[in-house]
Amino acid sequence: MGMTKVEIPPEKTVLLAHLSAPRLARRGGQDDPFAWDSREFLQKLCIGMDVVFRTEYTIPNFSREFCSVFIGTTNVENEIVTHGWAKAKEFKGEVTPEHTELLRLEEQARQQGIGLWDRSPGSVDAAIRNLPSSAVGDPNNLDAMGLLAANKGKPLEAIVEQVRDGSSLRVYLLPKFQFVQVFVAGIQISFGWKKNVSKILNLYQSVVSRRIFL
């Protein structure tokens, strides 16, 4: 019997239609306050889940769609705002019941002082990452031999940002968020990653929690 062909699932990028969230820095820059926490909340809420989205509007000459997203009966936008990790966009035109609900949830989170609205001493400063330059694409941004000499045989805590293929990961090394590529020792996959989709998906599922020790 021949091998069953593994189809590559299609990908689509959508933007949450009614929300404004703090912006993550490019590698080598500084986040808006709470940007990482906001992104992590959304990622943990949605990663690996079946979602349904509804396109609310598009912008001419802009390829992405602005959508409402649902996990079962859970409205993702409402969930984010409830926990304080995004604001409702300023609405132009007739105010809809959906937007009214987002404004209500935002005010509730503000009153509770959660998420973006946390104003406890030091919380804002602690919620800003200052990212070093990425070592992916420019190895001169990392002293790899020095890192090896100082840490060989020791566990290093990292957060998985991307499963590049069946034998390598791109991770943030904690606590400084140095972005590096890590190769899994002792294994090799053939060139042509499309032939290894099943291996990649299995590896992705194994690190879906994303916090690992190298």
Protein backbone atom coordinates (compact mmCIF):
# COMPACT_ATOMS: atom_id res chain seq x y z
CA MET A 1 0.00 0.00 0.00
CA GLY A 2 1.25 3.47 -0.79
CA MET A 3 1.60 6.22 1.80
CA THR A 4 -1.37 8.49 2.32
CA LYS A 5 -0.57 11.99 1.15
CA VAL A 6 -0.58 14.50 3.99
CA GLU A 7 -2.34 17.67 2.97
CA ILE A 8 -0.97 21.00 4.17
CA PRO A 9 -3.84 22.81 5.89
CA PRO A 10 -4.55 26.28 4.52
CA GLU A 11 -3.61 29.29 6.63
CA LYS A 12 -5.48 32.56 7.00
CA THR A 13 -4.64 35.65 9.04
CA VAL A 14 -7.57 37.61 10.44
CA LEU A 15 -7.71 40.67 12.68
CA LEU A 16 -10.17 41.00 15.55
CA ALA A 17 -12.55 43.59 14.20
CA HIS A 18 -13.48 45.61 17.26
CA LEU A 19 -10.37 45.54 19.47
CA SER A 20 -7.22 47.59 19.97
CA ALA A 21 -4.38 45.78 21.77
CA PRO A 22 -0.89 46.92 22.83
CA ARG A 23 1.77 46.32 20.19
CA LEU A 24 4.61 43.85 20.52
CA ALA A 25 8.07 45.14 19.70
CA ARG A 26 10.08 43.90 16.79
CA ARG A 27 13.06 41.94 18.03
CA GLY A 28 15.52 44.51 19.24
CA GLY A 29 12.90 46.99 20.49
CA GLN A 30 10.52 47.70 23.34
CA ASP A 31 6.94 46.50 23.78
CA ASP A 32 3.96 48.62 24.63
CA PRO A 33 3.05 47.93 28.27
CA PHE A 34 1.30 44.54 28.71
CA ALA A 35 1.70 43.62 25.02
CA TRP A 36 3.27 40.24 25.76
CA ASP A 37 0.63 39.35 28.37
CA SER A 38 -2.12 40.35 25.97
CA ARG A 39 -0.69 38.21 23.17
CA GLU A 40 -0.14 35.27 25.51
CA PHE A 41 -3.73 35.41 26.74
CA LEU A 42 -5.07 35.27 23.18
CA GLN A 43 -2.66 32.52 22.20
CA LYS A 44 -3.52 30.32 25.18
CA LEU A 45 -7.22 30.89 24.54
CA CYS A 46 -7.11 29.94 20.86
CA ILE A 47 -4.07 27.74 20.15
CA GLY A 48 -5.08 24.26 18.98
CA MET A 49 -8.79 25.12 19.09
CA ASP A 50 -11.39 24.90 16.35
CA VAL A 51 -12.67 28.41 15.74
CA VAL A 52 -15.36 30.00 13.62
CA PHE A 53 -14.93 33.51 12.29
CA ARG A 54 -17.26 35.99 10.68
CA THR A 55 -15.89 38.77 8.48
CA GLU A 56 -17.19 42.12 9.70
CA TYR A 57 -15.44 44.41 7.23
CA THR A 58 -12.44 44.82 4.95
CA ILE A 59 -10.29 47.81 3.98
CA PRO A 60 -9.47 48.56 0.31
CA ASN A 61 -5.93 47.56 -0.69
CA PHE A 62 -5.44 45.68 2.59
CA SER A 63 -5.33 41.90 2.25
CA ARG A 64 -6.49 40.92 5.75
CA GLU A 65 -10.03 40.71 7.02
CA PHE A 66 -11.47 42.16 10.22
CA CYS A 67 -13.48 39.45 11.92
CA SER A 68 -15.40 38.29 14.94
CA VAL A 69 -14.02 34.96 16.19
CA PHE A 70 -15.79 32.28 18.22
CA ILE A 71 -14.68 29.14 20.05
CA GLY A 72 -17.93 27.25 20.32
CA THR A 73 -20.28 29.79 21.88
CA THR A 74 -17.43 31.87 23.38
CA ASN A 75 -16.93 35.25 21.73
CA VAL A 76 -13.13 35.70 21.68
CA GLU A 77 -13.30 39.50 21.62
CA ASN A 78 -15.56 39.59 24.69
CA GLU A 79 -13.26 37.18 26.51
CA ILE A 80 -10.16 39.29 25.89
CA VAL A 81 -11.83 42.52 27.00
CA THR A 82 -13.37 40.84 30.06
CA HIS A 83 -9.88 39.94 31.28
CA GLY A 84 -8.57 43.41 30.50
CA TRP A 85 -6.13 42.55 27.69
CA ALA A 86 -7.53 44.84 24.97
CA LYS A 87 -9.68 47.92 24.51
CA ALA A 88 -12.75 48.40 22.37
CA LYS A 89 -12.00 50.43 19.25
CA GLU A 90 -13.62 53.80 18.87
CA PHE A 91 -16.75 53.12 16.87
CA LYS A 92 -17.72 55.28 13.91
CA GLY A 93 -21.32 55.25 12.80
CA GLU A 94 -24.27 53.58 14.46
CA VAL A 95 -23.31 51.83 17.71
CA THR A 96 -24.20 48.13 17.61
CA PRO A 97 -25.25 45.93 20.55
CA GLU A 98 -21.93 44.07 20.18
CA HIS A 99 -19.93 47.26 20.57
CA THR A 100 -22.06 48.37 23.53
CA GLU A 101 -21.27 45.07 25.24
CA LEU A 102 -17.53 45.50 24.60
CA LEU A 103 -17.63 48.97 26.15
CA ARG A 104 -19.44 47.58 29.18
CA LEU A 105 -16.88 44.79 29.60
CA GLU A 106 -14.01 47.25 29.17
CA GLU A 107 -15.37 49.53 31.89
CA GLN A 108 -15.84 46.50 34.16
CA ALA A 109 -12.20 45.45 33.66
CA ARG A 110 -11.07 49.04 34.23
CA GLN A 111 -12.95 49.20 37.52
CA GLN A 112 -11.42 45.87 38.59
CA GLY A 113 -7.91 47.06 37.71
CA ILE A 114 -7.02 43.94 35.73
CA GLY A 115 -4.95 43.39 32.60
CA LEU A 116 -4.08 46.68 30.90
CA TRP A 117 -5.79 48.52 33.76
CA ASP A 118 -3.46 47.19 36.46
CA ARG A 119 -1.98 50.21 38.19
CA SER A 120 -0.37 48.50 41.17
CA PRO A 121 3.15 49.82 41.94
CA GLY A 122 5.67 48.66 39.34
CA SER A 123 3.14 46.71 37.26
CA VAL A 124 3.48 48.81 34.10
CA ASP A 125 7.29 48.79 34.10
CA ALA A 126 7.32 45.03 34.74
CA ALA A 127 5.00 44.50 31.75
CA ILE A 128 7.42 46.00 29.19
CA ARG A 129 9.94 43.75 27.47
CA ASN A 130 13.19 45.22 26.15
CA LEU A 131 14.13 42.73 23.46
CA PRO A 132 17.72 42.05 22.43
CA SER A 133 18.45 41.76 18.72
CA SER A 134 17.42 38.45 17.19
CA ALA A 135 20.03 35.76 16.64
CA VAL A 136 17.85 34.22 13.91
CA GLY A 137 19.13 35.52 10.59
CA ASP A 138 22.12 37.25 12.20
CA PRO A 139 24.25 34.92 14.36
CA ASN A 140 26.47 37.85 15.31
CA ASN A 141 23.74 38.91 17.72
CA LEU A 142 24.45 35.93 19.97
CA ASP A 143 27.66 34.58 21.50
CA ALA A 144 26.66 30.97 20.87
CA MET A 145 29.96 29.50 22.03
CA GLY A 146 29.86 31.57 25.20
CA LEU A 147 26.28 30.43 25.83
CA LEU A 148 27.33 26.80 25.31
CA ALA A 149 30.35 27.10 27.59
CA ALA A 150 28.32 28.67 30.38
CA ASN A 151 25.30 26.36 30.14
CA LYS A 152 26.30 23.01 28.63
CA GLY A 153 24.46 20.24 30.43
CA LYS A 154 22.23 22.69 32.29
CA PRO A 155 18.52 23.22 31.63
CA LEU A 156 17.64 26.56 30.02
CA GLU A 157 14.07 27.77 30.29
CA ALA A 158 12.60 28.92 26.99
CA ILE A 159 9.28 29.67 25.30
CA VAL A 160 8.60 28.08 21.92
CA GLU A 161 7.65 30.75 19.39
CA GLN A 162 7.77 28.65 16.20
CA VAL A 163 8.14 25.02 15.16
CA ARG A 164 10.22 25.63 12.05
CA ASP A 165 10.33 22.01 10.87
CA GLY A 166 10.45 18.49 12.28
CA SER A 167 13.84 18.96 13.94
CA SER A 168 14.16 22.63 14.89
CA LEU A 169 12.42 25.22 17.02
CA ARG A 170 12.66 28.97 17.34
CA VAL A 171 12.47 29.98 20.97
CA TYR A 172 12.80 32.88 23.37
CA LEU A 173 15.48 32.18 25.98
CA LEU A 174 14.30 33.39 29.35
CA PRO A 175 14.53 35.69 31.18
CA LYS A 176 15.99 38.09 28.55
CA PHE A 177 13.86 36.92 25.60
CA GLN A 178 16.85 36.29 23.32
CA PHE A 179 15.36 34.84 20.11
CA VAL A 180 17.34 31.83 18.85
CA GLN A 181 16.93 28.74 16.72
CA VAL A 182 17.38 25.40 18.47
CA PHE A 183 18.08 22.12 16.68
CA VAL A 184 16.94 18.88 18.29
CA ALA A 185 20.07 16.77 18.82
CA GLY A 186 20.30 13.32 17.27
CA ILE A 187 17.52 13.54 14.69
CA GLN A 188 17.37 14.55 11.05
CA ILE A 189 14.57 15.08 8.55
CA SER A 190 14.84 15.10 4.77
CA PHE A 191 14.87 18.36 2.86
CA GLY A 192 11.52 19.48 1.58
CA TRP A 193 9.49 20.20 4.70
CA LYS A 194 6.22 19.53 2.88
CA LYS A 195 7.08 15.83 2.99
CA ASN A 196 7.36 16.03 6.77
CA VAL A 197 4.11 17.76 7.65
CA SER A 198 2.95 14.93 9.93
CA LYS A 199 6.26 15.03 11.85
CA ILE A 200 6.03 18.81 12.20
CA LEU A 201 2.45 18.65 13.44
CA ASN A 202 3.36 15.95 15.98
CA LEU A 203 6.29 18.03 17.22
CA TYR A 204 4.08 21.09 17.43
CA GLN A 205 1.51 19.22 19.50
CA SER A 206 4.25 18.03 21.85
CA VAL A 207 5.33 21.63 22.61
CA VAL A 208 1.94 23.30 22.37
CA SER A 209 2.25 24.52 25.95
CA ARG A 210 5.37 26.29 24.59
CA ARG A 211 7.32 26.53 27.86
CA ILE A 212 10.20 24.07 27.70
CA PHE A 213 13.59 23.42 29.24
CA LEU A 214 16.46 22.99 26.81
